Amino acid sequence: MCMNNQEIRGYIPLSLWDEKVMEIYALETVNAEIGISLLQTAIGEAKQTNHREILVMTDNHSLSYLCCKKIHFVETGFYQSFRKEPL
């Protein structure tokens, strides 16, 4: 989490599924600089815990997508989400 004057500026919830994969559930941030810093922190955590992969799913029109591309995450698949308003 990144905070400034008691205000949350960005965060990454993540999970260490097994000895191989770290999953980042979301990257929420107010700007690319903080987003990139948070991703780099997650990469450091993955190195410390000997994880070999970091999985991130993001919309290709989002700030998190741009942050991932900026620090050379590689697109490896296609993720399709669905939405529906409750009846």
PDB file of N, CA and C in Angstrom:
ATOM      1  N   MET A   1       0.850  -1.166   0.000  1.00  0.00           N
ATOM      2  CA  MET A   1       0.000   0.000   0.000  1.00  0.00           C
ATOM      3  C   MET A   1       0.901   1.236   0.000  1.00  0.00           C
ATOM      4  N   CYS A   2       0.462   2.259  -0.698  1.00  0.00           N
ATOM      5  CA  CYS A   2       1.169   3.537  -0.727  1.00  0.00           C
ATOM      6  C   CYS A   2       0.247   4.592  -0.135  1.00  0.00           C
ATOM      7  N   MET A   3       0.738   5.273   0.901  1.00  0.00           N
ATOM      8  CA  MET A   3      -0.069   6.304   1.555  1.00  0.00           C
ATOM      9  C   MET A   3       0.686   7.626   1.555  1.00  0.00           C
ATOM     10  N   ASN A   4      -0.094   8.715   1.543  1.00  0.00           N
ATOM     11  CA  ASN A   4       0.462  10.050   1.638  1.00  0.00           C
ATOM     12  C   ASN A   4      -0.490  10.882   2.497  1.00  0.00           C
ATOM     13  N   ASN A   5      -0.007  11.359   3.649  1.00  0.00           N
ATOM     14  CA  ASN A   5      -0.825  12.157   4.569  1.00  0.00           C
ATOM     15  C   ASN A   5      -2.142  11.464   4.919  1.00  0.00           C
ATOM     16  N   GLN A   6      -2.053  10.213   5.324  1.00  0.00           N
ATOM     17  CA  GLN A   6      -3.217   9.416   5.738  1.00  0.00           C
ATOM     18  C   GLN A   6      -4.186   9.112   4.594  1.00  0.00           C
ATOM     19  N   GLU A   7      -3.774   9.346   3.360  1.00  0.00           N
ATOM     20  CA  GLU A   7      -4.608   9.059   2.191  1.00  0.00           C
ATOM     21  C   GLU A   7      -3.977   7.915   1.402  1.00  0.00           C
ATOM     22  N   ILE A   8      -4.766   6.899   1.085  1.00  0.00           N
ATOM     23  CA  ILE A   8      -4.277   5.790   0.273  1.00  0.00           C
ATOM     24  C   ILE A   8      -4.130   6.270  -1.166  1.00  0.00           C
ATOM     25  N   ARG A   9      -2.931   6.119  -1.709  1.00  0.00           N
ATOM     26  CA  ARG A   9      -2.637   6.546  -3.085  1.00  0.00           C
ATOM     27  C   ARG A   9      -2.563   5.359  -4.043  1.00  0.00           C
ATOM     28  N   GLY A  10      -2.458   4.150  -3.495  1.00  0.00           N
ATOM     29  CA  GLY A  10      -2.415   2.953  -4.323  1.00  0.00           C
ATOM     30  C   GLY A  10      -2.214   1.716  -3.472  1.00  0.00           C
ATOM     31  N   TYR A  11      -2.629   0.574  -4.026  1.00  0.00           N
ATOM     32  CA  TYR A  11      -2.425  -0.689  -3.311  1.00  0.00           C
ATOM     33  C   TYR A  11      -2.458  -1.865  -4.279  1.00  0.00           C
ATOM     34  N   ILE A  12      -1.849  -2.966  -3.846  1.00  0.00           N
ATOM     35  CA  ILE A  12      -1.855  -4.218  -4.597  1.00  0.00           C
ATOM     36  C   ILE A  12      -2.173  -5.354  -3.620  1.00  0.00           C
ATOM     37  N   PRO A  13      -3.362  -5.949  -3.702  1.00  0.00           N
ATOM     38  CA  PRO A  13      -3.595  -7.179  -2.940  1.00  0.00           C
ATOM     39  C   PRO A  13      -3.004  -8.347  -3.743  1.00  0.00           C
ATOM     40  N   LEU A  14      -2.304  -9.238  -3.061  1.00  0.00           N
ATOM     41  CA  LEU A  14      -1.685 -10.352  -3.766  1.00  0.00           C
ATOM     42  C   LEU A  14      -1.747 -11.626  -2.950  1.00  0.00           C
ATOM     43  N   SER A  15      -1.463 -12.726  -3.618  1.00  0.00           N
ATOM     44  CA  SER A  15      -1.471 -14.034  -2.974  1.00  0.00           C
ATOM     45  C   SER A  15      -0.270 -14.833  -3.443  1.00  0.00           C
ATOM     46  N   LEU A  16       0.280 -15.613  -2.543  1.00  0.00           N
ATOM     47  CA  LEU A  16       1.374 -16.527  -2.873  1.00  0.00           C
ATOM     48  C   LEU A  16       0.772 -17.928  -2.923  1.00  0.00           C
ATOM     49  N   TRP A  17       0.267 -18.318  -4.112  1.00  0.00           N
ATOM     50  CA  TRP A  17      -0.494 -19.558  -4.249  1.00  0.00           C
ATOM     51  C   TRP A  17       0.317 -20.784  -3.911  1.00  0.00           C
ATOM     52  N   ASP A  18       1.458 -20.888  -4.459  1.00  0.00           N
ATOM     53  CA  ASP A  18       2.322 -22.034  -4.242  1.00  0.00           C
ATOM     54  C   ASP A  18       3.756 -21.545  -4.372  1.00  0.00           C
ATOM     55  N   GLU A  19       4.702 -22.457  -4.487  1.00  0.00           N
ATOM     56  CA  GLU A  19       6.101 -22.034  -4.575  1.00  0.00           C
ATOM     57  C   GLU A  19       6.460 -21.432  -5.931  1.00  0.00           C
ATOM     58  N   LYS A  20       5.534 -21.475  -6.884  1.00  0.00           N
ATOM     59  CA  LYS A  20       5.841 -20.986  -8.228  1.00  0.00           C
ATOM     60  C   LYS A  20       5.189 -19.641  -8.554  1.00  0.00           C
ATOM     61  N   VAL A  21       3.904 -19.466  -8.237  1.00  0.00           N
ATOM     62  CA  VAL A  21       3.135 -18.333  -8.747  1.00  0.00           C
ATOM     63  C   VAL A  21       2.686 -17.367  -7.647  1.00  0.00           C
ATOM     64  N   MET A  22       2.982 -16.095  -7.873  1.00  0.00           N
ATOM     65  CA  MET A  22       2.404 -15.013  -7.089  1.00  0.00           C
ATOM     66  C   MET A  22       1.309 -14.406  -7.963  1.00  0.00           C
ATOM     67  N   GLU A  23       0.135 -14.170  -7.401  1.00  0.00           N
ATOM     68  CA  GLU A  23      -0.925 -13.539  -8.165  1.00  0.00           C
ATOM     69  C   GLU A  23      -1.237 -12.170  -7.586  1.00  0.00           C
ATOM     70  N   ILE A  24      -1.266 -11.171  -8.445  1.00  0.00           N
ATOM     71  CA  ILE A  24      -1.700  -9.834  -8.077  1.00  0.00           C
ATOM     72  C   ILE A  24      -3.160  -9.731  -8.474  1.00  0.00           C
ATOM     73  N   TYR A  25      -4.027  -9.534  -7.497  1.00  0.00           N
ATOM     74  CA  TYR A  25      -5.460  -9.479  -7.762  1.00  0.00           C
ATOM     75  C   TYR A  25      -5.887  -8.172  -8.418  1.00  0.00           C
ATOM     76  N   ALA A  26      -5.223  -7.098  -8.066  1.00  0.00           N
ATOM     77  CA  ALA A  26      -5.580  -5.793  -8.618  1.00  0.00           C
ATOM     78  C   ALA A  26      -4.428  -4.829  -8.375  1.00  0.00           C
ATOM     79  N   LEU A  27      -4.342  -3.847  -9.219  1.00  0.00           N
ATOM     80  CA  LEU A  27      -3.435  -2.723  -9.002  1.00  0.00           C
ATOM     81  C   LEU A  27      -4.312  -1.487  -9.046  1.00  0.00           C
ATOM     82  N   GLU A  28      -4.521  -0.884  -7.909  1.00  0.00           N
ATOM     83  CA  GLU A  28      -5.322   0.337  -7.811  1.00  0.00           C
ATOM     84  C   GLU A  28      -4.373   1.473  -7.454  1.00  0.00           C
ATOM     85  N   THR A  29      -4.371   2.506  -8.278  1.00  0.00           N
ATOM     86  CA  THR A  29      -3.427   3.596  -8.070  1.00  0.00           C
ATOM     87  C   THR A  29      -3.955   4.892  -8.679  1.00  0.00           C
ATOM     88  N   VAL A  30      -3.455   5.995  -8.172  1.00  0.00           N
ATOM     89  CA  VAL A  30      -3.872   7.305  -8.692  1.00  0.00           C
ATOM     90  C   VAL A  30      -3.039   7.755  -9.883  1.00  0.00           C
ATOM     91  N   ASN A  31      -1.844   7.150 -10.068  1.00  0.00           N
ATOM     92  CA  ASN A  31      -1.015   7.522 -11.215  1.00  0.00           C
ATOM     93  C   ASN A  31      -0.028   6.410 -11.551  1.00  0.00           C
ATOM     94  N   ALA A  32       0.569   6.504 -12.729  1.00  0.00           N
ATOM     95  CA  ALA A  32       1.476   5.462 -13.210  1.00  0.00           C
ATOM     96  C   ALA A  32       2.734   5.350 -12.350  1.00  0.00           C
ATOM     97  N   GLU A  33       3.248   6.443 -11.871  1.00  0.00           N
ATOM     98  CA  GLU A  33       4.472   6.404 -11.063  1.00  0.00           C
ATOM     99  C   GLU A  33       4.284   5.530  -9.821  1.00  0.00           C
ATOM    100  N   ILE A  34       3.197   5.727  -9.119  1.00  0.00           N
ATOM    101  CA  ILE A  34       2.913   4.920  -7.927  1.00  0.00           C
ATOM    102  C   ILE A  34       2.626   3.472  -8.339  1.00  0.00           C
ATOM    103  N   GLY A  35       1.880   3.286  -9.430  1.00  0.00           N
ATOM    104  CA  GLY A  35       1.577   1.940  -9.903  1.00  0.00           C
ATOM    105  C   GLY A  35       2.833   1.151 -10.218  1.00  0.00           C
ATOM    106  N   ILE A  36       3.761   1.769 -10.914  1.00  0.00           N
ATOM    107  CA  ILE A  36       5.025   1.109 -11.248  1.00  0.00           C
ATOM    108  C   ILE A  36       5.813   0.786  -9.988  1.00  0.00           C
ATOM    109  N   SER A  37       5.855   1.701  -9.048  1.00  0.00           N
ATOM    110  CA  SER A  37       6.547   1.464  -7.783  1.00  0.00           C
ATOM    111  C   SER A  37       5.938   0.281  -7.025  1.00  0.00           C
ATOM    112  N   LEU A  38       4.615   0.219  -6.998  1.00  0.00           N
ATOM    113  CA  LEU A  38       3.950  -0.902  -6.323  1.00  0.00           C
ATOM    114  C   LEU A  38       4.251  -2.224  -7.021  1.00  0.00           C
ATOM    115  N   LEU A  39       4.242  -2.232  -8.340  1.00  0.00           N
ATOM    116  CA  LEU A  39       4.586  -3.453  -9.073  1.00  0.00           C
ATOM    117  C   LEU A  39       6.029  -3.868  -8.810  1.00  0.00           C
ATOM    118  N   GLN A  40       6.935  -2.918  -8.767  1.00  0.00           N
ATOM    119  CA  GLN A  40       8.334  -3.237  -8.482  1.00  0.00           C
ATOM    120  C   GLN A  40       8.498  -3.795  -7.072  1.00  0.00           C
ATOM    121  N   THR A  41       7.707  -3.286  -6.136  1.00  0.00           N
ATOM    122  CA  THR A  41       7.723  -3.832  -4.779  1.00  0.00           C
ATOM    123  C   THR A  41       7.229  -5.278  -4.777  1.00  0.00           C
ATOM    124  N   ALA A  42       6.181  -5.553  -5.542  1.00  0.00           N
ATOM    125  CA  ALA A  42       5.668  -6.922  -5.649  1.00  0.00           C
ATOM    126  C   ALA A  42       6.707  -7.843  -6.288  1.00  0.00           C
ATOM    127  N   ILE A  43       7.416  -7.349  -7.292  1.00  0.00           N
ATOM    128  CA  ILE A  43       8.478  -8.132  -7.922  1.00  0.00           C
ATOM    129  C   ILE A  43       9.565  -8.464  -6.902  1.00  0.00           C
ATOM    130  N   GLY A  44       9.922  -7.494  -6.075  1.00  0.00           N
ATOM    131  CA  GLY A  44      10.904  -7.731  -5.018  1.00  0.00           C
ATOM    132  C   GLY A  44      10.431  -8.787  -4.032  1.00  0.00           C
ATOM    133  N   GLU A  45       9.153  -8.747  -3.687  1.00  0.00           N
ATOM    134  CA  GLU A  45       8.582  -9.757  -2.792  1.00  0.00           C
ATOM    135  C   GLU A  45       8.636 -11.140  -3.440  1.00  0.00           C
ATOM    136  N   ALA A  46       8.334 -11.218  -4.727  1.00  0.00           N
ATOM    137  CA  ALA A  46       8.389 -12.500  -5.437  1.00  0.00           C
ATOM    138  C   ALA A  46       9.818 -13.049  -5.438  1.00  0.00           C
ATOM    139  N   LYS A  47      10.793 -12.187  -5.627  1.00  0.00           N
ATOM    140  CA  LYS A  47      12.189 -12.633  -5.582  1.00  0.00           C
ATOM    141  C   LYS A  47      12.552 -13.142  -4.197  1.00  0.00           C
ATOM    142  N   GLN A  48      12.136 -12.420  -3.162  1.00  0.00           N
ATOM    143  CA  GLN A  48      12.435 -12.808  -1.779  1.00  0.00           C
ATOM    144  C   GLN A  48      11.838 -14.151  -1.411  1.00  0.00           C
ATOM    145  N   THR A  49      10.661 -14.434  -1.942  1.00  0.00           N
ATOM    146  CA  THR A  49       9.966 -15.676  -1.603  1.00  0.00           C
ATOM    147  C   THR A  49      10.201 -16.762  -2.653  1.00  0.00           C
ATOM    148  N   ASN A  50      11.115 -16.516  -3.584  1.00  0.00           N
ATOM    149  CA  ASN A  50      11.511 -17.474  -4.615  1.00  0.00           C
ATOM    150  C   ASN A  50      10.385 -17.888  -5.552  1.00  0.00           C
ATOM    151  N   HIS A  51       9.443 -17.007  -5.787  1.00  0.00           N
ATOM    152  CA  HIS A  51       8.397 -17.281  -6.773  1.00  0.00           C
ATOM    153  C   HIS A  51       8.955 -17.014  -8.169  1.00  0.00           C
ATOM    154  N   ARG A  52       8.566 -17.837  -9.127  1.00  0.00           N
ATOM    155  CA  ARG A  52       9.115 -17.737 -10.474  1.00  0.00           C
ATOM    156  C   ARG A  52       8.216 -16.991 -11.443  1.00  0.00           C
ATOM    157  N   GLU A  53       6.950 -16.805 -11.091  1.00  0.00           N
ATOM    158  CA  GLU A  53       6.022 -16.107 -11.976  1.00  0.00           C
ATOM    159  C   GLU A  53       5.142 -15.168 -11.165  1.00  0.00           C
ATOM    160  N   ILE A  54       4.746 -14.075 -11.818  1.00  0.00           N
ATOM    161  CA  ILE A  54       3.763 -13.164 -11.240  1.00  0.00           C
ATOM    162  C   ILE A  54       2.625 -13.054 -12.244  1.00  0.00           C
ATOM    163  N   LEU A  55       1.432 -13.399 -11.812  1.00  0.00           N
ATOM    164  CA  LEU A  55       0.247 -13.355 -12.656  1.00  0.00           C
ATOM    165  C   LEU A  55      -0.547 -12.093 -12.335  1.00  0.00           C
ATOM    166  N   VAL A  56      -0.898 -11.343 -13.380  1.00  0.00           N
ATOM    167  CA  VAL A  56      -1.719 -10.141 -13.238  1.00  0.00           C
ATOM    168  C   VAL A  56      -2.770 -10.176 -14.343  1.00  0.00           C
ATOM    169  N   MET A  57      -4.026  -9.992 -13.994  1.00  0.00           N
ATOM    170  CA  MET A  57      -5.069  -9.873 -15.006  1.00  0.00           C
ATOM    171  C   MET A  57      -5.601  -8.447 -14.953  1.00  0.00           C
ATOM    172  N   THR A  58      -5.633  -7.805 -16.107  1.00  0.00           N
ATOM    173  CA  THR A  58      -6.030  -6.406 -16.152  1.00  0.00           C
ATOM    174  C   THR A  58      -6.702  -6.077 -17.481  1.00  0.00           C
ATOM    175  N   ASP A  59      -7.509  -5.068 -17.472  1.00  0.00           N
ATOM    176  CA  ASP A  59      -8.170  -4.577 -18.683  1.00  0.00           C
ATOM    177  C   ASP A  59      -7.148  -3.822 -19.529  1.00  0.00           C
ATOM    178  N   ASN A  60      -7.151  -4.059 -20.833  1.00  0.00           N
ATOM    179  CA  ASN A  60      -6.118  -3.427 -21.657  1.00  0.00           C
ATOM    180  C   ASN A  60      -6.334  -1.935 -21.895  1.00  0.00           C
ATOM    181  N   HIS A  61      -7.338  -1.353 -21.286  1.00  0.00           N
ATOM    182  CA  HIS A  61      -7.548   0.101 -21.377  1.00  0.00           C
ATOM    183  C   HIS A  61      -7.376   0.777 -20.018  1.00  0.00           C
ATOM    184  N   SER A  62      -6.699   0.100 -19.099  1.00  0.00           N
ATOM    185  CA  SER A  62      -6.597   0.612 -17.733  1.00  0.00           C
ATOM    186  C   SER A  62      -5.194   1.128 -17.419  1.00  0.00           C
ATOM    187  N   LEU A  63      -5.108   1.881 -16.354  1.00  0.00           N
ATOM    188  CA  LEU A  63      -3.817   2.371 -15.877  1.00  0.00           C
ATOM    189  C   LEU A  63      -2.937   1.203 -15.431  1.00  0.00           C
ATOM    190  N   SER A  64      -3.520   0.186 -14.819  1.00  0.00           N
ATOM    191  CA  SER A  64      -2.725  -0.968 -14.387  1.00  0.00           C
ATOM    192  C   SER A  64      -2.093  -1.677 -15.587  1.00  0.00           C
ATOM    193  N   TYR A  65      -2.813  -1.763 -16.705  1.00  0.00           N
ATOM    194  CA  TYR A  65      -2.272  -2.356 -17.929  1.00  0.00           C
ATOM    195  C   TYR A  65      -1.044  -1.556 -18.393  1.00  0.00           C
ATOM    196  N   LEU A  66      -1.168  -0.244 -18.425  1.00  0.00           N
ATOM    197  CA  LEU A  66      -0.053   0.603 -18.858  1.00  0.00           C
ATOM    198  C   LEU A  66       1.157   0.443 -17.944  1.00  0.00           C
ATOM    199  N   CYS A  67       0.914   0.330 -16.642  1.00  0.00           N
ATOM    200  CA  CYS A  67       2.014   0.136 -15.686  1.00  0.00           C
ATOM    201  C   CYS A  67       2.714  -1.195 -15.936  1.00  0.00           C
ATOM    202  N   CYS A  68       1.930  -2.246 -16.151  1.00  0.00           N
ATOM    203  CA  CYS A  68       2.516  -3.566 -16.426  1.00  0.00           C
ATOM    204  C   CYS A  68       3.362  -3.537 -17.692  1.00  0.00           C
ATOM    205  N   LYS A  69       2.846  -2.924 -18.744  1.00  0.00           N
ATOM    206  CA  LYS A  69       3.586  -2.844 -19.999  1.00  0.00           C
ATOM    207  C   LYS A  69       4.871  -2.020 -19.835  1.00  0.00           C
ATOM    208  N   LYS A  70       4.801  -0.965 -19.054  1.00  0.00           N
ATOM    209  CA  LYS A  70       5.948  -0.073 -18.861  1.00  0.00           C
ATOM    210  C   LYS A  70       7.142  -0.807 -18.246  1.00  0.00           C
ATOM    211  N   ILE A  71       6.873  -1.772 -17.366  1.00  0.00           N
ATOM    212  CA  ILE A  71       7.988  -2.496 -16.741  1.00  0.00           C
ATOM    213  C   ILE A  71       8.116  -3.927 -17.292  1.00  0.00           C
ATOM    214  N   HIS A  72       7.620  -4.106 -18.505  1.00  0.00           N
ATOM    215  CA  HIS A  72       7.884  -5.287 -19.323  1.00  0.00           C
ATOM    216  C   HIS A  72       7.228  -6.583 -18.855  1.00  0.00           C
ATOM    217  N   PHE A  73       6.036  -6.491 -18.256  1.00  0.00           N
ATOM    218  CA  PHE A  73       5.242  -7.695 -18.102  1.00  0.00           C
ATOM    219  C   PHE A  73       4.847  -8.124 -19.516  1.00  0.00           C
ATOM    220  N   VAL A  74       4.702  -9.413 -19.745  1.00  0.00           N
ATOM    221  CA  VAL A  74       4.405  -9.943 -21.072  1.00  0.00           C
ATOM    222  C   VAL A  74       2.969 -10.455 -21.108  1.00  0.00           C
ATOM    223  N   GLU A  75       2.225 -10.036 -22.125  1.00  0.00           N
ATOM    224  CA  GLU A  75       0.862 -10.549 -22.290  1.00  0.00           C
ATOM    225  C   GLU A  75       0.941 -12.017 -22.689  1.00  0.00           C
ATOM    226  N   THR A  76       0.172 -12.860 -21.987  1.00  0.00           N
ATOM    227  CA  THR A  76       0.252 -14.299 -22.250  1.00  0.00           C
ATOM    228  C   THR A  76      -1.101 -14.922 -22.555  1.00  0.00           C
ATOM    229  N   GLY A  77      -2.143 -14.169 -22.518  1.00  0.00           N
ATOM    230  CA  GLY A  77      -3.443 -14.768 -22.780  1.00  0.00           C
ATOM    231  C   GLY A  77      -4.505 -13.703 -22.922  1.00  0.00           C
ATOM    232  N   PHE A  78      -5.722 -14.164 -22.983  1.00  0.00           N
ATOM    233  CA  PHE A  78      -6.866 -13.282 -23.138  1.00  0.00           C
ATOM    234  C   PHE A  78      -7.837 -13.543 -22.001  1.00  0.00           C
ATOM    235  N   TYR A  79      -8.248 -12.524 -21.348  1.00  0.00           N
ATOM    236  CA  TYR A  79      -9.182 -12.632 -20.226  1.00  0.00           C
ATOM    237  C   TYR A  79     -10.430 -11.865 -20.584  1.00  0.00           C
ATOM    238  N   GLN A  80     -11.565 -12.491 -20.485  1.00  0.00           N
ATOM    239  CA  GLN A  80     -12.829 -11.839 -20.795  1.00  0.00           C
ATOM    240  C   GLN A  80     -13.674 -11.780 -19.533  1.00  0.00           C
ATOM    241  N   SER A  81     -14.102 -10.606 -19.158  1.00  0.00           N
ATOM    242  CA  SER A  81     -14.970 -10.480 -17.983  1.00  0.00           C
ATOM    243  C   SER A  81     -16.385 -10.205 -18.445  1.00  0.00           C
ATOM    244  N   PHE A  82     -17.321 -10.463 -17.545  1.00  0.00           N
ATOM    245  CA  PHE A  82     -18.734 -10.241 -17.828  1.00  0.00           C
ATOM    246  C   PHE A  82     -19.346  -9.423 -16.695  1.00  0.00           C
ATOM    247  N   ARG A  83     -20.335  -8.631 -17.023  1.00  0.00           N
ATOM    248  CA  ARG A  83     -21.071  -7.850 -16.012  1.00  0.00           C
ATOM    249  C   ARG A  83     -22.559  -7.990 -16.261  1.00  0.00           C
ATOM    250  N   LYS A  84     -23.303  -7.906 -15.180  1.00  0.00           N
ATOM    251  CA  LYS A  84     -24.750  -7.931 -15.282  1.00  0.00           C
ATOM    252  C   LYS A  84     -25.318  -7.193 -14.100  1.00  0.00           C
ATOM    253  N   GLU A  85     -26.285  -6.352 -14.352  1.00  0.00           N
ATOM    254  CA  GLU A  85     -26.963  -5.674 -13.268  1.00  0.00           C
ATOM    255  C   GLU A  85     -27.961  -6.645 -12.632  1.00  0.00           C
ATOM    256  N   PRO A  86     -28.071  -6.622 -11.316  1.00  0.00           N
ATOM    257  CA  PRO A  86     -29.027  -7.522 -10.669  1.00  0.00           C
ATOM    258  C   PRO A  86     -30.454  -7.147 -11.063  1.00  0.00           C
ATOM    259  N   LEU A  87     -31.284  -8.131 -11.138  1.00  0.00           N
ATOM    260  CA  LEU A  87     -32.689  -7.897 -11.530  1.00  0.00           C
ATOM    261  C   LEU A  87     -33.501  -7.397 -10.369  1.00  0.00           C
TER     262      LEU A  87
END
